[in-house]
C-alpha atoms as a PDB file:
ATOM      1  CA  MET A   1     -42.094 -10.312   5.466  1.00  0.00           C
ATOM      2  CA  ARG A   2     -38.969 -12.132   6.592  1.00  0.00           C
ATOM      3  CA  ARG A   3     -38.174 -13.038   2.997  1.00  0.00           C
ATOM      4  CA  GLY A   4     -38.439  -9.380   2.000  1.00  0.00           C
ATOM      5  CA  TRP A   5     -35.970  -8.384   4.713  1.00  0.00           C
ATOM      6  CA  LYS A   6     -33.524 -11.067   3.569  1.00  0.00           C
ATOM      7  CA  MET A   7     -33.710  -9.865  -0.030  1.00  0.00           C
ATOM      8  CA  ALA A   8     -33.200  -6.253   1.067  1.00  0.00           C
ATOM      9  CA  LEU A   9     -30.218  -7.243   3.237  1.00  0.00           C
ATOM     10  CA  SER A  10     -28.707  -9.282   0.421  1.00  0.00           C
ATOM     11  CA  GLY A  11     -29.125  -6.367  -1.991  1.00  0.00           C
ATOM     12  CA  GLY A  12     -27.547  -3.979   0.512  1.00  0.00           C
ATOM     13  CA  LEU A  13     -24.545  -6.255   1.012  1.00  0.00           C
ATOM     14  CA  ARG A  14     -24.025  -6.564  -2.746  1.00  0.00           C
ATOM     15  CA  CYS A  15     -24.179  -2.790  -3.072  1.00  0.00           C
ATOM     16  CA  CYS A  16     -21.620  -2.324  -0.271  1.00  0.00           C
ATOM     17  CA  ARG A  17     -19.322  -4.898  -1.830  1.00  0.00           C
ATOM     18  CA  ARG A  18     -19.589  -3.166  -5.190  1.00  0.00           C
ATOM     19  CA  VAL A  19     -18.663   0.188  -3.621  1.00  0.00           C
ATOM     20  CA  LEU A  20     -15.790  -1.249  -1.560  1.00  0.00           C
ATOM     21  CA  SER A  21     -14.339  -2.936  -4.646  1.00  0.00           C
ATOM     22  CA  TRP A  22     -13.433   0.526  -5.954  1.00  0.00           C
ATOM     23  CA  VAL A  23     -11.320   1.376  -2.882  1.00  0.00           C
ATOM     24  CA  PRO A  24      -8.032  -0.062  -4.288  1.00  0.00           C
ATOM     25  CA  VAL A  25      -8.586   1.852  -7.543  1.00  0.00           C
ATOM     26  CA  LEU A  26      -9.258   5.039  -5.579  1.00  0.00           C
ATOM     27  CA  VAL A  27      -6.026   4.537  -3.620  1.00  0.00           C
ATOM     28  CA  ILE A  28      -4.011   4.172  -6.842  1.00  0.00           C
ATOM     29  CA  VAL A  29      -5.677   7.236  -8.383  1.00  0.00           C
ATOM     30  CA  LEU A  30      -4.933   9.373  -5.304  1.00  0.00           C
ATOM     31  CA  VAL A  31      -1.283   8.270  -5.237  1.00  0.00           C
ATOM     32  CA  VAL A  32      -0.920   9.053  -8.953  1.00  0.00           C
ATOM     33  CA  LEU A  33      -2.550  12.480  -8.570  1.00  0.00           C
ATOM     34  CA  TRP A  34      -0.232  13.303  -5.687  1.00  0.00           C
ATOM     35  CA  SER A  35       2.805  12.112  -7.683  1.00  0.00           C
ATOM     36  CA  TYR A  36       1.713  14.365 -10.556  1.00  0.00           C
ATOM     37  CA  TYR A  37       1.487  17.374  -8.253  1.00  0.00           C
ATOM     38  CA  ALA A  38       4.759  16.569  -6.493  1.00  0.00           C
ATOM     39  CA  TYR A  39       6.715  16.059  -9.711  1.00  0.00           C
ATOM     40  CA  VAL A  40       5.276  18.820 -11.890  1.00  0.00           C
ATOM     41  CA  PHE A  41       4.851  21.579  -9.318  1.00  0.00           C
ATOM     42  CA  GLU A  42       7.130  20.845  -6.374  1.00  0.00           C
ATOM     43  CA  LEU A  43      10.040  19.405  -8.345  1.00  0.00           C
ATOM     44  CA  CYS A  44       9.983  20.879 -11.854  1.00  0.00           C
ATOM     45  CA  LEU A  45       8.456  24.300 -11.184  1.00  0.00           C
ATOM     46  CA  VAL A  46       9.874  24.980  -7.707  1.00  0.00           C
ATOM     47  CA  THR A  47      13.033  22.933  -7.142  1.00  0.00           C
ATOM     48  CA  VAL A  48      14.581  22.686 -10.636  1.00  0.00           C
ATOM     49  CA  LEU A  49      16.221  26.006 -11.530  1.00  0.00           C
ATOM     50  CA  SER A  50      17.413  25.409 -15.108  1.00  0.00           C
ATOM     51  CA  PRO A  51      14.673  26.354 -17.655  1.00  0.00           C
ATOM     52  CA  ALA A  52      15.969  23.842 -20.200  1.00  0.00           C
ATOM     53  CA  GLU A  53      15.971  21.067 -17.607  1.00  0.00           C
ATOM     54  CA  LYS A  54      12.423  21.978 -16.591  1.00  0.00           C
ATOM     55  CA  VAL A  55      11.166  21.738 -20.176  1.00  0.00           C
ATOM     56  CA  ILE A  56      12.886  18.395 -20.865  1.00  0.00           C
ATOM     57  CA  TYR A  57      11.675  16.895 -17.581  1.00  0.00           C
ATOM     58  CA  LEU A  58       8.088  18.029 -18.158  1.00  0.00           C
ATOM     59  CA  ILE A  59       7.882  16.870 -21.785  1.00  0.00           C
ATOM     60  CA  LEU A  60       9.228  13.397 -21.061  1.00  0.00           C
ATOM     61  CA  TYR A  61       7.143  13.070 -17.906  1.00  0.00           C
ATOM     62  CA  HIS A  62       3.876  13.933 -19.621  1.00  0.00           C
ATOM     63  CA  ALA A  63       4.614  11.608 -22.550  1.00  0.00           C
ATOM     64  CA  ILE A  64       4.990   8.682 -20.140  1.00  0.00           C
ATOM     65  CA  PHE A  65       2.100   9.849 -17.959  1.00  0.00           C
ATOM     66  CA  VAL A  66      -0.348   9.916 -20.899  1.00  0.00           C
ATOM     67  CA  PHE A  67       0.361   6.291 -21.833  1.00  0.00           C
ATOM     68  CA  PHE A  68       0.360   5.239 -18.180  1.00  0.00           C
ATOM     69  CA  ALA A  69      -3.058   6.811 -17.547  1.00  0.00           C
ATOM     70  CA  TRP A  70      -4.438   5.618 -20.893  1.00  0.00           C
ATOM     71  CA  THR A  71      -3.537   1.966 -20.288  1.00  0.00           C
ATOM     72  CA  TYR A  72      -4.825   2.114 -16.714  1.00  0.00           C
ATOM     73  CA  TRP A  73      -8.149   3.476 -17.962  1.00  0.00           C
ATOM     74  CA  LYS A  74      -8.384   0.722 -20.591  1.00  0.00           C
ATOM     75  CA  SER A  75      -7.569  -1.962 -18.019  1.00  0.00           C
ATOM     76  CA  ILE A  76     -10.350  -0.742 -15.738  1.00  0.00           C
ATOM     77  CA  PHE A  77     -13.136  -0.015 -18.199  1.00  0.00           C
ATOM     78  CA  THR A  78     -12.634  -2.667 -20.889  1.00  0.00           C
ATOM     79  CA  LEU A  79     -15.323  -5.189 -19.983  1.00  0.00           C
ATOM     80  CA  PRO A  80     -14.370  -8.878 -19.803  1.00  0.00           C
ATOM     81  CA  GLN A  81     -15.592 -10.791 -22.829  1.00  0.00           C
ATOM     82  CA  GLN A  82     -18.087 -13.592 -22.223  1.00  0.00           C
ATOM     83  CA  PRO A  83     -18.743 -16.717 -24.330  1.00  0.00           C
ATOM     84  CA  ASN A  84     -21.206 -16.192 -27.140  1.00  0.00           C
ATOM     85  CA  GLN A  85     -24.644 -17.758 -27.294  1.00  0.00           C
ATOM     86  CA  LYS A  86     -23.674 -20.986 -29.058  1.00  0.00           C
ATOM     87  CA  PHE A  87     -21.840 -22.165 -25.918  1.00  0.00           C
ATOM     88  CA  HIS A  88     -24.948 -21.675 -23.745  1.00  0.00           C
ATOM     89  CA  LEU A  89     -27.367 -24.533 -23.280  1.00  0.00           C
ATOM     90  CA  SER A  90     -30.668 -24.098 -25.042  1.00  0.00           C
ATOM     91  CA  TYR A  91     -33.791 -23.989 -22.915  1.00  0.00           C
ATOM     92  CA  THR A  92     -34.621 -27.580 -23.864  1.00  0.00           C
ATOM     93  CA  ASP A  93     -31.086 -28.873 -23.174  1.00  0.00           C
ATOM     94  CA  LYS A  94     -31.015 -27.019 -19.877  1.00  0.00           C
ATOM     95  CA  GLU A  95     -34.293 -28.616 -18.791  1.00  0.00           C
ATOM     96  CA  ARG A  96     -33.090 -32.082 -19.802  1.00  0.00           C
ATOM     97  CA  TYR A  97     -29.770 -31.613 -18.013  1.00  0.00           C
ATOM     98  CA  GLU A  98     -31.283 -30.338 -14.769  1.00  0.00           C
ATOM     99  CA  ASN A  99     -34.006 -32.986 -14.687  1.00  0.00           C
ATOM    100  CA  GLU A 100     -31.532 -35.807 -15.236  1.00  0.00           C
ATOM    101  CA  GLU A 101     -30.415 -37.247 -11.879  1.00  0.00           C
ATOM    102  CA  ARG A 102     -27.795 -39.711 -13.120  1.00  0.00           C
ATOM    103  CA  PRO A 103     -24.318 -38.057 -13.259  1.00  0.00           C
ATOM    104  CA  GLU A 104     -23.048 -40.408 -15.966  1.00  0.00           C
ATOM    105  CA  VAL A 105     -25.976 -39.500 -18.219  1.00  0.00           C
ATOM    106  CA  GLN A 106     -25.414 -35.778 -17.578  1.00  0.00           C
ATOM    107  CA  LYS A 107     -21.760 -36.252 -18.489  1.00  0.00           C
ATOM    108  CA  GLN A 108     -22.699 -37.967 -21.753  1.00  0.00           C
ATOM    109  CA  MET A 109     -25.188 -35.208 -22.569  1.00  0.00           C
ATOM    110  CA  LEU A 110     -22.431 -32.617 -22.261  1.00  0.00           C
ATOM    111  CA  PHE A 111     -20.123 -34.727 -24.439  1.00  0.00           C
ATOM    112  CA  ASP A 112     -22.770 -34.856 -27.157  1.00  0.00           C
ATOM    113  CA  MET A 113     -23.321 -31.075 -26.996  1.00  0.00           C
ATOM    114  CA  ALA A 114     -19.561 -30.356 -27.037  1.00  0.00           C
ATOM    115  CA  LYS A 115     -19.090 -32.296 -30.287  1.00  0.00           C
ATOM    116  CA  LYS A 116     -20.580 -29.342 -32.149  1.00  0.00           C
ATOM    117  CA  LEU A 117     -18.202 -26.844 -30.500  1.00  0.00           C
ATOM    118  CA  PRO A 118     -14.464 -26.095 -30.884  1.00  0.00           C
ATOM    119  CA  VAL A 119     -13.694 -27.332 -27.351  1.00  0.00           C
ATOM    120  CA  TYR A 120     -10.532 -29.356 -26.707  1.00  0.00           C
ATOM    121  CA  THR A 121      -9.860 -28.921 -22.962  1.00  0.00           C
ATOM    122  CA  ARG A 122     -11.382 -31.050 -20.236  1.00  0.00           C
ATOM    123  CA  THR A 123     -11.688 -31.217 -16.467  1.00  0.00           C
ATOM    124  CA  GLY A 124      -9.222 -33.209 -14.392  1.00  0.00           C
ATOM    125  CA  SER A 125     -11.490 -36.249 -14.647  1.00  0.00           C
ATOM    126  CA  GLY A 126     -11.781 -35.930 -18.425  1.00  0.00           C
ATOM    127  CA  ALA A 127     -15.307 -34.500 -18.470  1.00  0.00           C
ATOM    128  CA  VAL A 128     -16.487 -31.563 -20.561  1.00  0.00           C
ATOM    129  CA  ARG A 129     -15.912 -28.289 -18.731  1.00  0.00           C
ATOM    130  CA  PHE A 130     -19.348 -26.983 -17.792  1.00  0.00           C
ATOM    131  CA  CYS A 131     -20.335 -23.923 -15.732  1.00  0.00           C
ATOM    132  CA  ASP A 132     -23.425 -24.706 -13.669  1.00  0.00           C
ATOM    133  CA  ARG A 133     -23.828 -21.021 -12.782  1.00  0.00           C
ATOM    134  CA  CYS A 134     -23.850 -19.602 -16.315  1.00  0.00           C
ATOM    135  CA  HIS A 135     -25.265 -22.817 -17.810  1.00  0.00           C
ATOM    136  CA  LEU A 136     -22.736 -23.010 -20.609  1.00  0.00           C
ATOM    137  CA  ILE A 137     -19.987 -25.254 -21.907  1.00  0.00           C
ATOM    138  CA  LYS A 138     -16.759 -23.417 -21.228  1.00  0.00           C
ATOM    139  CA  PRO A 139     -14.629 -22.581 -24.263  1.00  0.00           C
ATOM    140  CA  ASP A 140     -10.932 -23.420 -24.015  1.00  0.00           C
ATOM    141  CA  ARG A 141      -9.133 -21.226 -21.421  1.00  0.00           C
ATOM    142  CA  CYS A 142     -12.455 -19.805 -20.196  1.00  0.00           C
ATOM    143  CA  HIS A 143     -13.181 -19.779 -16.443  1.00  0.00           C
ATOM    144  CA  HIS A 144     -15.882 -18.487 -14.128  1.00  0.00           C
ATOM    145  CA  CYS A 145     -14.974 -15.455 -12.002  1.00  0.00           C
ATOM    146  CA  SER A 146     -16.886 -15.446  -8.727  1.00  0.00           C
ATOM    147  CA  VAL A 147     -16.262 -11.713  -8.235  1.00  0.00           C
ATOM    148  CA  CYS A 148     -17.598 -10.701 -11.650  1.00  0.00           C
ATOM    149  CA  ALA A 149     -20.185 -13.519 -11.455  1.00  0.00           C
ATOM    150  CA  MET A 150     -19.657 -14.570 -15.067  1.00  0.00           C
ATOM    151  CA  CYS A 151     -17.509 -16.744 -17.298  1.00  0.00           C
ATOM    152  CA  VAL A 152     -14.578 -14.848 -18.815  1.00  0.00           C
ATOM    153  CA  LEU A 153     -12.815 -15.783 -22.046  1.00  0.00           C
ATOM    154  CA  LYS A 154      -9.122 -16.636 -21.554  1.00  0.00           C
ATOM    155  CA  MET A 155      -9.354 -15.589 -17.932  1.00  0.00           C
ATOM    156  CA  ASP A 156      -6.019 -14.724 -16.341  1.00  0.00           C
ATOM    157  CA  HIS A 157      -7.041 -13.399 -12.916  1.00  0.00           C
ATOM    158  CA  HIS A 158      -9.294 -10.904 -11.174  1.00  0.00           C
ATOM    159  CA  CYS A 159      -7.232  -7.841 -10.269  1.00  0.00           C
ATOM    160  CA  PRO A 160      -8.485  -5.686  -7.365  1.00  0.00           C
ATOM    161  CA  TRP A 161      -6.185  -2.806  -8.403  1.00  0.00           C
ATOM    162  CA  VAL A 162      -8.186  -2.297 -11.592  1.00  0.00           C
ATOM    163  CA  ASN A 163     -11.426  -3.735 -10.166  1.00  0.00           C
ATOM    164  CA  ASN A 164     -11.791  -5.862 -13.244  1.00  0.00           C
ATOM    165  CA  CYS A 165     -11.301  -9.372 -14.498  1.00  0.00           C
ATOM    166  CA  ILE A 166      -8.228  -9.675 -16.710  1.00  0.00           C
ATOM    167  CA  GLY A 167      -8.849 -11.868 -19.711  1.00  0.00           C
ATOM    168  CA  PHE A 168      -8.889 -12.009 -23.496  1.00  0.00           C
ATOM    169  CA  SER A 169     -10.416  -8.551 -24.014  1.00  0.00           C
ATOM    170  CA  ASN A 170      -8.015  -6.569 -21.788  1.00  0.00           C
ATOM    171  CA  TYR A 171      -4.903  -8.664 -21.073  1.00  0.00           C
ATOM    172  CA  LYS A 172      -2.893  -6.646 -23.592  1.00  0.00           C
ATOM    173  CA  PHE A 173      -3.940  -3.405 -21.868  1.00  0.00           C
ATOM    174  CA  PHE A 174      -3.045  -4.850 -18.465  1.00  0.00           C
ATOM    175  CA  LEU A 175       0.448  -5.789 -19.663  1.00  0.00           C
ATOM    176  CA  GLN A 176       0.925  -2.335 -21.156  1.00  0.00           C
ATOM    177  CA  PHE A 177      -0.261  -0.779 -17.910  1.00  0.00           C
ATOM    178  CA  LEU A 178       2.378  -2.752 -15.996  1.00  0.00           C
ATOM    179  CA  ALA A 179       5.075  -1.756 -18.509  1.00  0.00           C
ATOM    180  CA  TYR A 180       4.233   1.952 -18.413  1.00  0.00           C
ATOM    181  CA  SER A 181       3.891   1.809 -14.622  1.00  0.00           C
ATOM    182  CA  VAL A 182       7.437   0.447 -14.375  1.00  0.00           C
ATOM    183  CA  LEU A 183       8.671   3.131 -16.794  1.00  0.00           C
ATOM    184  CA  TYR A 184       6.768   5.833 -14.884  1.00  0.00           C
ATOM    185  CA  CYS A 185       8.320   4.862 -11.547  1.00  0.00           C
ATOM    186  CA  LEU A 186      11.786   4.439 -13.052  1.00  0.00           C
ATOM    187  CA  TYR A 187      11.660   7.854 -14.727  1.00  0.00           C
ATOM    188  CA  ILE A 188      10.549   9.585 -11.532  1.00  0.00           C
ATOM    189  CA  ALA A 189      13.192   7.829  -9.435  1.00  0.00           C
ATOM    190  CA  THR A 190      16.090   8.614 -11.799  1.00  0.00           C
ATOM    191  CA  THR A 191      15.192  12.287 -12.272  1.00  0.00           C
ATOM    192  CA  VAL A 192      14.401  12.911  -8.606  1.00  0.00           C
ATOM    193  CA  PHE A 193      17.471  11.141  -7.219  1.00  0.00           C
ATOM    194  CA  SER A 194      19.969  13.993  -7.787  1.00  0.00           C
ATOM    195  CA  TYR A 195      17.699  16.461  -5.987  1.00  0.00           C
ATOM    196  CA  PHE A 196      17.167  13.951  -3.203  1.00  0.00           C
ATOM    197  CA  ILE A 197      20.962  13.948  -2.691  1.00  0.00           C
ATOM    198  CA  LYS A 198      21.077  17.736  -2.721  1.00  0.00           C
ATOM    199  CA  TYR A 199      18.370  17.971  -0.083  1.00  0.00           C
ATOM    200  CA  TRP A 200      20.119  15.283   1.951  1.00  0.00           C
ATOM    201  CA  ARG A 201      23.429  17.205   1.876  1.00  0.00           C
ATOM    202  CA  GLY A 202      21.732  20.510   2.645  1.00  0.00           C
ATOM    203  CA  GLU A 203      22.654  22.059  -0.691  1.00  0.00           C
ATOM    204  CA  LEU A 204      19.040  23.157  -1.205  1.00  0.00           C
ATOM    205  CA  PRO A 205      16.957  25.141   1.294  1.00  0.00           C
ATOM    206  CA  SER A 206      14.660  23.083   3.508  1.00  0.00           C
ATOM    207  CA  VAL A 207      11.291  24.161   2.170  1.00  0.00           C
ATOM    208  CA  ARG A 208       7.943  22.453   1.636  1.00  0.00           C
ATOM    209  CA  SER A 209       9.190  20.897  -1.613  1.00  0.00           C
ATOM    210  CA  LYS A 210      11.757  18.877   0.321  1.00  0.00           C
ATOM    211  CA  PHE A 211       9.093  16.608   1.790  1.00  0.00           C
ATOM    212  CA  HIS A 212       7.482  15.983  -1.596  1.00  0.00           C
ATOM    213  CA  VAL A 213      10.793  15.245  -3.337  1.00  0.00           C
ATOM    214  CA  LEU A 214      12.012  12.865  -0.625  1.00  0.00           C
ATOM    215  CA  PHE A 215       8.721  11.024  -0.384  1.00  0.00           C
ATOM    216  CA  LEU A 216       8.375  10.917  -4.186  1.00  0.00           C
ATOM    217  CA  LEU A 217      11.639   8.996  -4.487  1.00  0.00           C
ATOM    218  CA  PHE A 218      10.645   6.577  -1.738  1.00  0.00           C
ATOM    219  CA  VAL A 219       7.210   5.847  -3.247  1.00  0.00           C
ATOM    220  CA  ALA A 220       8.615   5.503  -6.790  1.00  0.00           C
ATOM    221  CA  CYS A 221      11.252   2.997  -5.664  1.00  0.00           C
ATOM    222  CA  MET A 222       8.769   1.022  -3.578  1.00  0.00           C
ATOM    223  CA  PHE A 223       6.273   0.674  -6.430  1.00  0.00           C
ATOM    224  CA  PHE A 224       9.054   0.034  -8.949  1.00  0.00           C
ATOM    225  CA  VAL A 225      10.306  -3.054  -7.114  1.00  0.00           C
ATOM    226  CA  SER A 226       6.847  -4.642  -6.764  1.00  0.00           C
ATOM    227  CA  LEU A 227       5.817  -3.769 -10.328  1.00  0.00           C
ATOM    228  CA  VAL A 228       9.023  -5.135 -11.863  1.00  0.00           C
ATOM    229  CA  ILE A 229       8.391  -8.475 -10.172  1.00  0.00           C
ATOM    230  CA  LEU A 230       4.779  -8.600 -11.364  1.00  0.00           C
ATOM    231  CA  PHE A 231       5.645  -7.408 -14.876  1.00  0.00           C
ATOM    232  CA  GLY A 232       8.500  -9.911 -15.144  1.00  0.00           C
ATOM    233  CA  TYR A 233       6.179 -12.723 -14.122  1.00  0.00           C
ATOM    234  CA  HIS A 234       3.619 -11.797 -16.788  1.00  0.00           C
ATOM    235  CA  CYS A 235       6.363 -11.468 -19.404  1.00  0.00           C
ATOM    236  CA  TRP A 236       7.329 -15.038 -18.567  1.00  0.00           C
ATOM    237  CA  LEU A 237       3.688 -16.084 -18.950  1.00  0.00           C
ATOM    238  CA  VAL A 238       3.429 -14.389 -22.350  1.00  0.00           C
ATOM    239  CA  SER A 239       6.655 -16.055 -23.539  1.00  0.00           C
ATOM    240  CA  ARG A 240       5.071 -19.452 -22.746  1.00  0.00           C
ATOM    241  CA  ASN A 241       1.559 -18.449 -23.912  1.00  0.00           C
ATOM    242  CA  LYS A 242       0.091 -19.228 -20.492  1.00  0.00           C
ATOM    243  CA  THR A 243      -2.389 -17.532 -18.216  1.00  0.00           C
ATOM    244  CA  THR A 244      -1.866 -17.235 -14.474  1.00  0.00           C
ATOM    245  CA  LEU A 245      -4.404 -20.024 -13.952  1.00  0.00           C
ATOM    246  CA  GLU A 246      -2.635 -22.288 -16.441  1.00  0.00           C
ATOM    247  CA  ALA A 247       0.716 -21.632 -14.745  1.00  0.00           C
ATOM    248  CA  PHE A 248      -0.696 -22.914 -11.459  1.00  0.00           C
ATOM    249  CA  CYS A 249      -2.706 -25.810 -12.920  1.00  0.00           C
ATOM    250  CA  THR A 250      -1.791 -27.655 -16.099  1.00  0.00           C
ATOM    251  CA  PRO A 251      -4.599 -27.577 -18.692  1.00  0.00           C
ATOM    252  CA  VAL A 252      -6.091 -30.947 -19.582  1.00  0.00           C
ATOM    253  CA  PHE A 253      -6.781 -31.704 -23.242  1.00  0.00           C
ATOM    254  CA  THR A 254      -8.703 -34.552 -24.840  1.00  0.00           C
ATOM    255  CA  SER A 255      -5.357 -36.368 -25.064  1.00  0.00           C
ATOM    256  CA  GLY A 256      -4.466 -35.659 -21.416  1.00  0.00           C
ATOM    257  CA  PRO A 257      -2.592 -32.980 -19.393  1.00  0.00           C
ATOM    258  CA  GLU A 258      -0.179 -30.836 -21.411  1.00  0.00           C
ATOM    259  CA  LYS A 259       1.621 -27.934 -19.736  1.00  0.00           C
ATOM    260  CA  ASN A 260       2.894 -26.602 -23.093  1.00  0.00           C
ATOM    261  CA  GLY A 261      -0.366 -27.176 -24.928  1.00  0.00           C
ATOM    262  CA  PHE A 262      -0.703 -23.563 -26.135  1.00  0.00           C
ATOM    263  CA  ASN A 263       3.033 -22.862 -26.526  1.00  0.00           C
ATOM    264  CA  LEU A 264       3.582 -21.939 -30.196  1.00  0.00           C
ATOM    265  CA  GLY A 265       7.114 -20.561 -29.893  1.00  0.00           C
ATOM    266  CA  PHE A 266       8.370 -17.252 -28.517  1.00  0.00           C
ATOM    267  CA  ILE A 267       7.380 -14.913 -31.372  1.00  0.00           C
ATOM    268  CA  LYS A 268       3.988 -16.499 -32.014  1.00  0.00           C
ATOM    269  CA  ASN A 269       3.260 -16.473 -28.289  1.00  0.00           C
ATOM    270  CA  ILE A 270       3.809 -12.718 -28.184  1.00  0.00           C
ATOM    271  CA  GLN A 271       1.620 -12.281 -31.263  1.00  0.00           C
ATOM    272  CA  GLN A 272      -1.181 -14.170 -29.504  1.00  0.00           C
ATOM    273  CA  VAL A 273      -1.431 -11.213 -27.091  1.00  0.00           C
ATOM    274  CA  PHE A 274      -0.263  -8.205 -29.103  1.00  0.00           C
ATOM    275  CA  GLY A 275      -1.174  -9.196 -32.659  1.00  0.00           C
ATOM    276  CA  ASP A 276       0.840  -9.403 -35.867  1.00  0.00           C
ATOM    277  CA  ASN A 277       1.114  -5.646 -36.482  1.00  0.00           C
ATOM    278  CA  LYS A 278       4.032  -4.384 -34.378  1.00  0.00           C
ATOM    279  CA  LYS A 279       3.002  -0.729 -34.673  1.00  0.00           C
ATOM    280  CA  PHE A 280       0.103  -1.471 -32.290  1.00  0.00           C
ATOM    281  CA  TRP A 281       2.192  -3.276 -29.663  1.00  0.00           C
ATOM    282  CA  LEU A 282       2.851  -0.148 -27.582  1.00  0.00           C
ATOM    283  CA  ILE A 283      -0.564   1.460 -28.083  1.00  0.00           C
ATOM    284  CA  PRO A 284      -3.595   0.412 -25.999  1.00  0.00           C
ATOM    285  CA  ILE A 285      -5.726  -0.557 -28.980  1.00  0.00           C
ATOM    286  CA  GLY A 286      -7.270  -4.010 -29.287  1.00  0.00           C
ATOM    287  CA  SER A 287      -5.116  -6.104 -31.626  1.00  0.00           C
ATOM    288  CA  SER A 288      -5.181  -9.611 -30.148  1.00  0.00           C
ATOM    289  CA  PRO A 289      -6.016 -12.182 -32.861  1.00  0.00           C
ATOM    290  CA  GLY A 290      -9.098 -14.362 -32.759  1.00  0.00           C
ATOM    291  CA  ASP A 291     -12.376 -14.084 -30.903  1.00  0.00           C
ATOM    292  CA  GLY A 292     -11.295 -15.569 -27.568  1.00  0.00           C
ATOM    293  CA  HIS A 293     -13.340 -18.749 -28.011  1.00  0.00           C
ATOM    294  CA  SER A 294     -10.657 -20.940 -29.569  1.00  0.00           C
ATOM    295  CA  PHE A 295      -6.882 -20.800 -29.742  1.00  0.00           C
ATOM    296  CA  PRO A 296      -4.149 -22.450 -31.830  1.00  0.00           C
ATOM    297  CA  MET A 297      -2.544 -25.362 -30.016  1.00  0.00           C
ATOM    298  CA  ARG A 298       0.941 -26.805 -30.081  1.00  0.00           C
ATOM    299  CA  SER A 299      -0.303 -30.202 -31.271  1.00  0.00           C
ATOM    300  CA  MET A 300      -1.972 -28.626 -34.319  1.00  0.00           C
ATOM    301  CA  ASN A 301       1.155 -26.620 -35.151  1.00  0.00           C
ATOM    302  CA  GLU A 302       3.276 -29.781 -34.929  1.00  0.00           C
ATOM    303  CA  SER A 303       0.985 -31.602 -37.355  1.00  0.00           C
ATOM    304  CA  GLN A 304       1.294 -28.699 -39.798  1.00  0.00           C
ATOM    305  CA  ASN A 305       5.057 -28.349 -39.265  1.00  0.00           C
ATOM    306  CA  PRO A 306       6.779 -31.671 -38.403  1.00  0.00           C
ATOM    307  CA  LEU A 307       9.978 -29.828 -37.394  1.00  0.00           C
ATOM    308  CA  LEU A 308       8.199 -28.544 -34.282  1.00  0.00           C
ATOM    309  CA  ALA A 309       7.607 -32.092 -33.085  1.00  0.00           C
ATOM    310  CA  ASN A 310      11.348 -32.462 -32.445  1.00  0.00           C
ATOM    311  CA  GLU A 311      11.558 -29.214 -30.505  1.00  0.00           C
ATOM    312  CA  GLU A 312      12.479 -29.615 -26.846  1.00  0.00           C
ATOM    313  CA  PRO A 313       9.717 -28.130 -24.655  1.00  0.00           C
ATOM    314  CA  TRP A 314      10.825 -25.660 -22.013  1.00  0.00           C
ATOM    315  CA  GLU A 315      10.924 -27.243 -18.589  1.00  0.00           C
ATOM    316  CA  ASP A 316       8.452 -26.139 -15.960  1.00  0.00           C
ATOM    317  CA  ASN A 317       8.613 -26.808 -12.253  1.00  0.00           C
ATOM    318  CA  GLU A 318       4.918 -26.589 -11.644  1.00  0.00           C
ATOM    319  CA  ASP A 319       2.921 -29.600 -10.566  1.00  0.00           C
ATOM    320  CA  ASP A 320       0.752 -31.242 -13.214  1.00  0.00           C
ATOM    321  CA  SER A 321      -2.361 -30.851 -11.096  1.00  0.00           C
ATOM    322  CA  GLN A 322      -5.582 -31.374 -12.981  1.00  0.00           C
ATOM    323  CA  ASP A 323      -7.913 -29.270 -10.857  1.00  0.00           C
ATOM    324  CA  TYR A 324      -8.183 -25.507 -11.220  1.00  0.00           C
ATOM    325  CA  PRO A 325      -7.425 -23.398  -8.121  1.00  0.00           C
ATOM    326  CA  GLU A 326      -9.837 -21.404  -6.037  1.00  0.00           C
ATOM    327  CA  GLY A 327      -7.098 -19.537  -4.175  1.00  0.00           C
ATOM    328  CA  SER A 328      -4.945 -16.559  -5.053  1.00  0.00           C
ATOM    329  CA  SER A 329      -1.290 -15.647  -5.372  1.00  0.00           C
ATOM    330  CA  SER A 330       0.219 -12.739  -3.446  1.00  0.00           C
ATOM    331  CA  LEU A 331       0.396 -10.619  -6.604  1.00  0.00           C
ATOM    332  CA  ALA A 332      -2.947 -11.325  -8.236  1.00  0.00           C
ATOM    333  CA  VAL A 333      -6.254 -12.398  -6.777  1.00  0.00           C
ATOM    334  CA  GLU A 334      -7.619 -15.507  -8.505  1.00  0.00           C
ATOM    335  CA  THR A 335     -11.337 -16.155  -8.153  1.00  0.00           C
ATOM    336  CA  GLU A 336     -11.987 -18.871 -10.723  1.00  0.00           C
ATOM    337  CA  THR A 337     -14.234 -21.826 -10.118  1.00  0.00           C
END
């Protein structure tokens, strides 16, 4: 009886947590819906008097709004990609691993299994990266998200504002969402500013639209500042071909820690996220190369092109820590184990 109550309580708590996780998304959606009403109706249709200005404002606004909403939708509803079956332990291997009590033997078992897989990163101690929750050998750049309760390929972070784990399958969409969010806020702020001044000087009658126009400028500027910082940080990550986790903790390869291990050069780094076809760079359509299980490395590129071996690596100020973080930054919630 007591066990049944505990299971029911645990299920209820999980359900509540699942519902509450959508609160940040709901807040963003409500703010966006209000901004749409305030800009289209209160500014363009009520405050702006010139018909030509109204048409231009509305056309440009809706063009940006469509891409902004489209990328936000893709960021939320594109499911994180998980490792395929060949990285999972077979039933027999799982039984052998769990029944073995000697850590050194378990470590050797994982080494033997990893020889058949394209895995080149290790833990801080040099062991094969293994997830004891999902019972799989982690592919390179893969981490376990405790919020999503699964291993995510090329995990970057878990973002509460999209209620989703950002990784290989949706990182491009997340970057586009940040870019169009910055453009959306900038466009609103620049077009609203002149009417803000007119209301401030009393050149326009103090009507209901005044509140919406004044508050619209304030909200647009506030979000613009925070989004520019976040977008700039992720642009820096893309230019180095790093994830947020890799920026905080240097990845460890079979040869040792290497903070520029996946850095292929500026153009190739961008192509690792957006693909080779530039016509898809601005459109939220999946175009990232590969399957998310393995990635080209700097060492391999240097062996193929000896000129790269003489290239000076960009300096980083981060600590060459070998353990992956459990904490979070102020801009993105990290929940990797």
